[in-house]
């Protein structure tokens, strides 16, 4: 839901954040597999990623709005 509402540039930043690559996969975007793993429960923590595994570590936030804010902050800072 959150990703669908992003513009194309921010979606590209998200892919770079999770995979460390801004290139389209050889077989197309449909082949890109991203795993999301819960990483604690805190509105203060930022999302992080293991780019080698395309693994997004995402804390459980209190609301979708907090998720949007923390994700935007992580993308801006390249955390």
PDB file of N, CA and C in Angstrom:
ATOM      1  N   UNK A   1       0.828  -1.193   0.000  1.00  0.00           N
ATOM      2  CA  UNK A   1       0.000   0.000   0.000  1.00  0.00           C
ATOM      3  C   UNK A   1       0.872   1.256   0.000  1.00  0.00           C
ATOM      4  N   UNK A   2       1.881   1.282   0.865  1.00  0.00           N
ATOM      5  CA  UNK A   2       2.750   2.452   0.967  1.00  0.00           C
ATOM      6  C   UNK A   2       3.551   2.635  -0.320  1.00  0.00           C
ATOM      7  N   UNK A   3       4.098   1.551  -0.846  1.00  0.00           N
ATOM      8  CA  UNK A   3       4.920   1.646  -2.058  1.00  0.00           C
ATOM      9  C   UNK A   3       4.113   2.057  -3.275  1.00  0.00           C
ATOM     10  N   UNK A   4       2.876   1.624  -3.356  1.00  0.00           N
ATOM     11  CA  UNK A   4       2.038   1.972  -4.505  1.00  0.00           C
ATOM     12  C   UNK A   4       1.811   3.470  -4.604  1.00  0.00           C
ATOM     13  N   UNK A   5       1.822   4.160  -3.484  1.00  0.00           N
ATOM     14  CA  UNK A   5       1.573   5.596  -3.472  1.00  0.00           C
ATOM     15  C   UNK A   5       2.802   6.444  -3.751  1.00  0.00           C
ATOM     16  N   UNK A   6       3.953   5.831  -3.981  1.00  0.00           N
ATOM     17  CA  UNK A   6       5.178   6.585  -4.213  1.00  0.00           C
ATOM     18  C   UNK A   6       5.349   6.924  -5.681  1.00  0.00           C
ATOM     19  N   UNK A   7       6.021   8.047  -5.966  1.00  0.00           N
ATOM     20  CA  UNK A   7       6.313   8.361  -7.364  1.00  0.00           C
ATOM     21  C   UNK A   7       7.483   7.502  -7.842  1.00  0.00           C
ATOM     22  N   UNK A   8       7.742   7.507  -9.132  1.00  0.00           N
ATOM     23  CA  UNK A   8       8.724   6.605  -9.730  1.00  0.00           C
ATOM     24  C   UNK A   8      10.135   6.829  -9.189  1.00  0.00           C
ATOM     25  N   UNK A   9      10.511   8.067  -8.941  1.00  0.00           N
ATOM     26  CA  UNK A   9      11.852   8.359  -8.421  1.00  0.00           C
ATOM     27  C   UNK A   9      12.037   7.768  -7.023  1.00  0.00           C
ATOM     28  N   UNK A  10      11.033   7.895  -6.184  1.00  0.00           N
ATOM     29  CA  UNK A  10      11.124   7.352  -4.821  1.00  0.00           C
ATOM     30  C   UNK A  10      11.113   5.824  -4.864  1.00  0.00           C
ATOM     31  N   UNK A  11      10.358   5.248  -5.779  1.00  0.00           N
ATOM     32  CA  UNK A  11      10.382   3.792  -5.941  1.00  0.00           C
ATOM     33  C   UNK A  11      11.770   3.322  -6.333  1.00  0.00           C
ATOM     34  N   UNK A  12      12.439   4.071  -7.215  1.00  0.00           N
ATOM     35  CA  UNK A  12      13.802   3.730  -7.601  1.00  0.00           C
ATOM     36  C   UNK A  12      14.737   3.818  -6.400  1.00  0.00           C
ATOM     37  N   UNK A  13      14.572   4.862  -5.582  1.00  0.00           N
ATOM     38  CA  UNK A  13      15.380   4.999  -4.369  1.00  0.00           C
ATOM     39  C   UNK A  13      15.155   3.814  -3.430  1.00  0.00           C
ATOM     40  N   UNK A  14      13.913   3.348  -3.357  1.00  0.00           N
ATOM     41  CA  UNK A  14      13.599   2.198  -2.518  1.00  0.00           C
ATOM     42  C   UNK A  14      14.324   0.951  -3.019  1.00  0.00           C
ATOM     43  N   UNK A  15      14.301   0.728  -4.333  1.00  0.00           N
ATOM     44  CA  UNK A  15      14.983  -0.438  -4.901  1.00  0.00           C
ATOM     45  C   UNK A  15      16.481  -0.358  -4.614  1.00  0.00           C
ATOM     46  N   UNK A  16      17.070   0.818  -4.763  1.00  0.00           N
ATOM     47  CA  UNK A  16      18.495   0.986  -4.457  1.00  0.00           C
ATOM     48  C   UNK A  16      18.747   0.724  -2.977  1.00  0.00           C
ATOM     49  N   UNK A  17      17.863   1.204  -2.128  1.00  0.00           N
ATOM     50  CA  UNK A  17      18.001   1.017  -0.678  1.00  0.00           C
ATOM     51  C   UNK A  17      18.014  -0.466  -0.307  1.00  0.00           C
ATOM     52  N   UNK A  18      17.159  -1.250  -0.953  1.00  0.00           N
ATOM     53  CA  UNK A  18      17.010  -2.665  -0.594  1.00  0.00           C
ATOM     54  C   UNK A  18      18.004  -3.562  -1.340  1.00  0.00           C
ATOM     55  N   UNK A  19      18.353  -3.195  -2.569  1.00  0.00           N
ATOM     56  CA  UNK A  19      19.193  -4.089  -3.381  1.00  0.00           C
ATOM     57  C   UNK A  19      20.586  -3.554  -3.676  1.00  0.00           C
ATOM     58  N   UNK A  20      20.801  -2.264  -3.458  1.00  0.00           N
ATOM     59  CA  UNK A  20      22.059  -1.593  -3.781  1.00  0.00           C
ATOM     60  C   UNK A  20      22.298  -1.528  -5.291  1.00  0.00           C
ATOM     61  N   UNK A  21      21.254  -1.633  -6.073  1.00  0.00           N
ATOM     62  CA  UNK A  21      21.369  -1.545  -7.531  1.00  0.00           C
ATOM     63  C   UNK A  21      20.180  -0.782  -8.087  1.00  0.00           C
ATOM     64  N   UNK A  22      20.465   0.108  -9.038  1.00  0.00           N
ATOM     65  CA  UNK A  22      19.370   0.844  -9.668  1.00  0.00           C
ATOM     66  C   UNK A  22      19.024   0.270 -11.034  1.00  0.00           C
ATOM     67  N   UNK A  23      19.574  -0.876 -11.348  1.00  0.00           N
ATOM     68  CA  UNK A  23      19.314  -1.506 -12.644  1.00  0.00           C
ATOM     69  C   UNK A  23      18.151  -2.488 -12.572  1.00  0.00           C
ATOM     70  N   UNK A  24      17.428  -2.531 -13.658  1.00  0.00           N
ATOM     71  CA  UNK A  24      16.325  -3.481 -13.751  1.00  0.00           C
ATOM     72  C   UNK A  24      16.885  -4.900 -13.826  1.00  0.00           C
ATOM     73  N   UNK A  25      16.285  -5.858 -13.108  1.00  0.00           N
ATOM     74  CA  UNK A  25      16.737  -7.247 -13.214  1.00  0.00           C
ATOM     75  C   UNK A  25      16.676  -7.734 -14.659  1.00  0.00           C
ATOM     76  N   UNK A  26      17.559  -8.653 -15.019  1.00  0.00           N
ATOM     77  CA  UNK A  26      17.653  -9.143 -16.395  1.00  0.00           C
ATOM     78  C   UNK A  26      16.321  -9.636 -16.942  1.00  0.00           C
ATOM     79  N   UNK A  27      15.529 -10.279 -16.117  1.00  0.00           N
ATOM     80  CA  UNK A  27      14.247 -10.828 -16.571  1.00  0.00           C
ATOM     81  C   UNK A  27      13.078  -9.899 -16.257  1.00  0.00           C
ATOM     82  N   UNK A  28      13.360  -8.662 -15.879  1.00  0.00           N
ATOM     83  CA  UNK A  28      12.313  -7.674 -15.621  1.00  0.00           C
ATOM     84  C   UNK A  28      12.004  -7.499 -14.145  1.00  0.00           C
ATOM     85  N   UNK A  29      11.242  -6.457 -13.845  1.00  0.00           N
ATOM     86  CA  UNK A  29      10.918  -6.115 -12.457  1.00  0.00           C
ATOM     87  C   UNK A  29      10.102  -7.200 -11.773  1.00  0.00           C
ATOM     88  N   UNK A  30       9.371  -7.974 -12.527  1.00  0.00           N
ATOM     89  CA  UNK A  30       8.581  -9.059 -11.951  1.00  0.00           C
ATOM     90  C   UNK A  30       9.436 -10.124 -11.283  1.00  0.00           C
ATOM     91  N   UNK A  31      10.701 -10.193 -11.649  1.00  0.00           N
ATOM     92  CA  UNK A  31      11.623 -11.172 -11.070  1.00  0.00           C
ATOM     93  C   UNK A  31      12.289 -10.690  -9.791  1.00  0.00           C
ATOM     94  N   UNK A  32      12.125  -9.411  -9.451  1.00  0.00           N
ATOM     95  CA  UNK A  32      12.747  -8.867  -8.248  1.00  0.00           C
ATOM     96  C   UNK A  32      12.021  -9.402  -7.022  1.00  0.00           C
ATOM     97  N   UNK A  33      12.725 -10.120  -6.188  1.00  0.00           N
ATOM     98  CA  UNK A  33      12.158 -10.688  -4.959  1.00  0.00           C
ATOM     99  C   UNK A  33      12.737  -9.940  -3.760  1.00  0.00           C
ATOM    100  N   UNK A  34      11.888  -9.279  -3.013  1.00  0.00           N
ATOM    101  CA  UNK A  34      12.284  -8.578  -1.802  1.00  0.00           C
ATOM    102  C   UNK A  34      11.604  -9.251  -0.625  1.00  0.00           C
ATOM    103  N   UNK A  35      12.405  -9.590   0.375  1.00  0.00           N
ATOM    104  CA  UNK A  35      11.877 -10.202   1.585  1.00  0.00           C
ATOM    105  C   UNK A  35      11.777  -9.131   2.662  1.00  0.00           C
ATOM    106  N   UNK A  36      10.655  -9.088   3.351  1.00  0.00           N
ATOM    107  CA  UNK A  36      10.453  -8.147   4.452  1.00  0.00           C
ATOM    108  C   UNK A  36      10.443  -8.946   5.749  1.00  0.00           C
ATOM    109  N   UNK A  37      11.247  -8.498   6.697  1.00  0.00           N
ATOM    110  CA  UNK A  37      11.338  -9.182   7.986  1.00  0.00           C
ATOM    111  C   UNK A  37      11.080  -8.191   9.106  1.00  0.00           C
ATOM    112  N   UNK A  38      10.283  -8.600  10.076  1.00  0.00           N
ATOM    113  CA  UNK A  38      10.001  -7.759  11.239  1.00  0.00           C
ATOM    114  C   UNK A  38      11.291  -7.551  12.021  1.00  0.00           C
ATOM    115  N   UNK A  39      11.493  -6.318  12.478  1.00  0.00           N
ATOM    116  CA  UNK A  39      12.719  -5.970  13.195  1.00  0.00           C
ATOM    117  C   UNK A  39      12.378  -5.131  14.422  1.00  0.00           C
ATOM    118  N   UNK A  40      11.707  -5.746  15.374  1.00  0.00           N
ATOM    119  CA  UNK A  40      11.357  -5.050  16.609  1.00  0.00           C
ATOM    120  C   UNK A  40      10.074  -4.253  16.490  1.00  0.00           C
ATOM    121  N   UNK A  41       9.780  -3.530  17.566  1.00  0.00           N
ATOM    122  CA  UNK A  41       8.574  -2.713  17.625  1.00  0.00           C
ATOM    123  C   UNK A  41       8.951  -1.358  18.202  1.00  0.00           C
ATOM    124  N   UNK A  42       9.092  -0.362  17.340  1.00  0.00           N
ATOM    125  CA  UNK A  42       9.460   0.959  17.814  1.00  0.00           C
ATOM    126  C   UNK A  42       9.209   1.994  16.737  1.00  0.00           C
ATOM    127  N   UNK A  43       8.603   3.097  17.118  1.00  0.00           N
ATOM    128  CA  UNK A  43       8.404   4.193  16.184  1.00  0.00           C
ATOM    129  C   UNK A  43       9.683   4.997  15.978  1.00  0.00           C
ATOM    130  N   UNK A  44      10.695   4.762  16.790  1.00  0.00           N
ATOM    131  CA  UNK A  44      11.944   5.513  16.714  1.00  0.00           C
ATOM    132  C   UNK A  44      12.943   4.900  15.741  1.00  0.00           C
ATOM    133  N   UNK A  45      12.834   3.621  15.465  1.00  0.00           N
ATOM    134  CA  UNK A  45      13.807   2.930  14.609  1.00  0.00           C
ATOM    135  C   UNK A  45      13.497   3.168  13.135  1.00  0.00           C
ATOM    136  N   UNK A  46      14.549   3.187  12.346  1.00  0.00           N
ATOM    137  CA  UNK A  46      14.400   3.317  10.899  1.00  0.00           C
ATOM    138  C   UNK A  46      14.475   1.947  10.243  1.00  0.00           C
ATOM    139  N   UNK A  47      13.862   1.798   9.078  1.00  0.00           N
ATOM    140  CA  UNK A  47      14.049   0.564   8.320  1.00  0.00           C
ATOM    141  C   UNK A  47      15.523   0.420   7.939  1.00  0.00           C
ATOM    142  N   UNK A  48      15.974  -0.802   7.773  1.00  0.00           N
ATOM    143  CA  UNK A  48      17.329  -1.071   7.299  1.00  0.00           C
ATOM    144  C   UNK A  48      17.250  -2.234   6.325  1.00  0.00           C
ATOM    145  N   UNK A  49      18.371  -2.527   5.665  1.00  0.00           N
ATOM    146  CA  UNK A  49      18.347  -3.573   4.644  1.00  0.00           C
ATOM    147  C   UNK A  49      19.676  -4.307   4.584  1.00  0.00           C
ATOM    148  N   UNK A  50      19.600  -5.590   4.252  1.00  0.00           N
ATOM    149  CA  UNK A  50      20.759  -6.385   3.867  1.00  0.00           C
ATOM    150  C   UNK A  50      20.676  -6.490   2.351  1.00  0.00           C
ATOM    151  N   UNK A  51      21.452  -5.656   1.667  1.00  0.00           N
ATOM    152  CA  UNK A  51      21.327  -5.567   0.214  1.00  0.00           C
ATOM    153  C   UNK A  51      21.749  -6.850  -0.496  1.00  0.00           C
ATOM    154  N   UNK A  52      22.655  -7.604   0.081  1.00  0.00           N
ATOM    155  CA  UNK A  52      23.092  -8.862  -0.562  1.00  0.00           C
ATOM    156  C   UNK A  52      21.938  -9.846  -0.716  1.00  0.00           C
ATOM    157  N   UNK A  53      20.969  -9.755   0.182  1.00  0.00           N
ATOM    158  CA  UNK A  53      19.851 -10.701   0.192  1.00  0.00           C
ATOM    159  C   UNK A  53      18.525 -10.053  -0.203  1.00  0.00           C
ATOM    160  N   UNK A  54      18.556  -8.773  -0.564  1.00  0.00           N
ATOM    161  CA  UNK A  54      17.316  -8.021  -0.843  1.00  0.00           C
ATOM    162  C   UNK A  54      16.337  -8.189   0.310  1.00  0.00           C
ATOM    163  N   UNK A  55      16.853  -8.016   1.519  1.00  0.00           N
ATOM    164  CA  UNK A  55      16.091  -8.204   2.752  1.00  0.00           C
ATOM    165  C   UNK A  55      15.848  -6.854   3.410  1.00  0.00           C
ATOM    166  N   UNK A  56      14.593  -6.484   3.564  1.00  0.00           N
ATOM    167  CA  UNK A  56      14.202  -5.244   4.220  1.00  0.00           C
ATOM    168  C   UNK A  56      13.834  -5.558   5.663  1.00  0.00           C
ATOM    169  N   UNK A  57      14.537  -4.949   6.603  1.00  0.00           N
ATOM    170  CA  UNK A  57      14.244  -5.110   8.029  1.00  0.00           C
ATOM    171  C   UNK A  57      13.362  -3.943   8.446  1.00  0.00           C
ATOM    172  N   UNK A  58      12.143  -4.257   8.820  1.00  0.00           N
ATOM    173  CA  UNK A  58      11.137  -3.230   9.051  1.00  0.00           C
ATOM    174  C   UNK A  58      10.559  -3.358  10.459  1.00  0.00           C
ATOM    175  N   UNK A  59      10.797  -2.346  11.298  1.00  0.00           N
ATOM    176  CA  UNK A  59      10.165  -2.377  12.625  1.00  0.00           C
ATOM    177  C   UNK A  59       8.646  -2.308  12.497  1.00  0.00           C
ATOM    178  N   UNK A  60       7.962  -2.826  13.482  1.00  0.00           N
ATOM    179  CA  UNK A  60       6.489  -2.713  13.507  1.00  0.00           C
ATOM    180  C   UNK A  60       6.168  -1.332  14.075  1.00  0.00           C
ATOM    181  N   UNK A  61       5.569  -0.499  13.249  1.00  0.00           N
ATOM    182  CA  UNK A  61       5.237   0.872  13.644  1.00  0.00           C
ATOM    183  C   UNK A  61       3.802   0.955  14.136  1.00  0.00           C
ATOM    184  N   UNK A  62       3.508   2.033  14.855  1.00  0.00           N
ATOM    185  CA  UNK A  62       2.178   2.202  15.437  1.00  0.00           C
ATOM    186  C   UNK A  62       1.130   2.599  14.396  1.00  0.00           C
ATOM    187  N   UNK A  63       1.570   3.100  13.229  1.00  0.00           N
ATOM    188  CA  UNK A  63       0.613   3.501  12.196  1.00  0.00           C
ATOM    189  C   UNK A  63       1.285   3.495  10.825  1.00  0.00           C
ATOM    190  N   UNK A  64       0.470   3.524   9.799  1.00  0.00           N
ATOM    191  CA  UNK A  64       0.975   3.594   8.430  1.00  0.00           C
ATOM    192  C   UNK A  64       1.681   4.930   8.213  1.00  0.00           C
ATOM    193  N   UNK A  65       1.181   5.982   8.835  1.00  0.00           N
ATOM    194  CA  UNK A  65       1.800   7.304   8.685  1.00  0.00           C
ATOM    195  C   UNK A  65       3.230   7.304   9.232  1.00  0.00           C
ATOM    196  N   UNK A  66       3.449   6.668  10.365  1.00  0.00           N
ATOM    197  CA  UNK A  66       4.807   6.571  10.919  1.00  0.00           C
ATOM    198  C   UNK A  66       5.684   5.759   9.971  1.00  0.00           C
ATOM    199  N   UNK A  67       5.153   4.686   9.414  1.00  0.00           N
ATOM    200  CA  UNK A  67       5.899   3.881   8.440  1.00  0.00           C
ATOM    201  C   UNK A  67       6.332   4.746   7.261  1.00  0.00           C
ATOM    202  N   UNK A  68       5.424   5.538   6.710  1.00  0.00           N
ATOM    203  CA  UNK A  68       5.759   6.412   5.579  1.00  0.00           C
ATOM    204  C   UNK A  68       6.867   7.394   5.951  1.00  0.00           C
ATOM    205  N   UNK A  69       6.762   7.990   7.135  1.00  0.00           N
ATOM    206  CA  UNK A  69       7.766   8.965   7.573  1.00  0.00           C
ATOM    207  C   UNK A  69       9.136   8.317   7.752  1.00  0.00           C
ATOM    208  N   UNK A  70       9.175   7.181   8.423  1.00  0.00           N
ATOM    209  CA  UNK A  70      10.461   6.518   8.691  1.00  0.00           C
ATOM    210  C   UNK A  70      11.085   5.977   7.406  1.00  0.00           C
ATOM    211  N   UNK A  71      10.271   5.461   6.509  1.00  0.00           N
ATOM    212  CA  UNK A  71      10.789   4.967   5.239  1.00  0.00           C
ATOM    213  C   UNK A  71      11.360   6.124   4.418  1.00  0.00           C
ATOM    214  N   UNK A  72      10.650   7.234   4.362  1.00  0.00           N
ATOM    215  CA  UNK A  72      11.138   8.408   3.628  1.00  0.00           C
ATOM    216  C   UNK A  72      12.451   8.897   4.226  1.00  0.00           C
ATOM    217  N   UNK A  73      12.547   8.922   5.546  1.00  0.00           N
ATOM    218  CA  UNK A  73      13.773   9.346   6.215  1.00  0.00           C
ATOM    219  C   UNK A  73      14.932   8.409   5.888  1.00  0.00           C
ATOM    220  N   UNK A  74      14.691   7.115   5.905  1.00  0.00           N
ATOM    221  CA  UNK A  74      15.735   6.142   5.589  1.00  0.00           C
ATOM    222  C   UNK A  74      16.190   6.282   4.143  1.00  0.00           C
ATOM    223  N   UNK A  75      15.253   6.506   3.224  1.00  0.00           N
ATOM    224  CA  UNK A  75      15.613   6.651   1.814  1.00  0.00           C
ATOM    225  C   UNK A  75      16.433   7.921   1.586  1.00  0.00           C
ATOM    226  N   UNK A  76      16.059   9.000   2.264  1.00  0.00           N
ATOM    227  CA  UNK A  76      16.807  10.268   2.133  1.00  0.00           C
ATOM    228  C   UNK A  76      18.232  10.123   2.649  1.00  0.00           C
ATOM    229  N   UNK A  77      18.378   9.384   3.744  1.00  0.00           N
ATOM    230  CA  UNK A  77      19.692   9.282   4.398  1.00  0.00           C
ATOM    231  C   UNK A  77      20.485   8.063   3.953  1.00  0.00           C
ATOM    232  N   UNK A  78      19.858   7.195   3.182  1.00  0.00           N
ATOM    233  CA  UNK A  78      20.561   6.006   2.713  1.00  0.00           C
ATOM    234  C   UNK A  78      21.005   5.107   3.839  1.00  0.00           C
ATOM    235  N   UNK A  79      20.200   5.055   4.887  1.00  0.00           N
ATOM    236  CA  UNK A  79      20.552   4.252   6.075  1.00  0.00           C
ATOM    237  C   UNK A  79      20.621   2.801   5.727  1.00  0.00           C
TER     238      UNK A  79
END
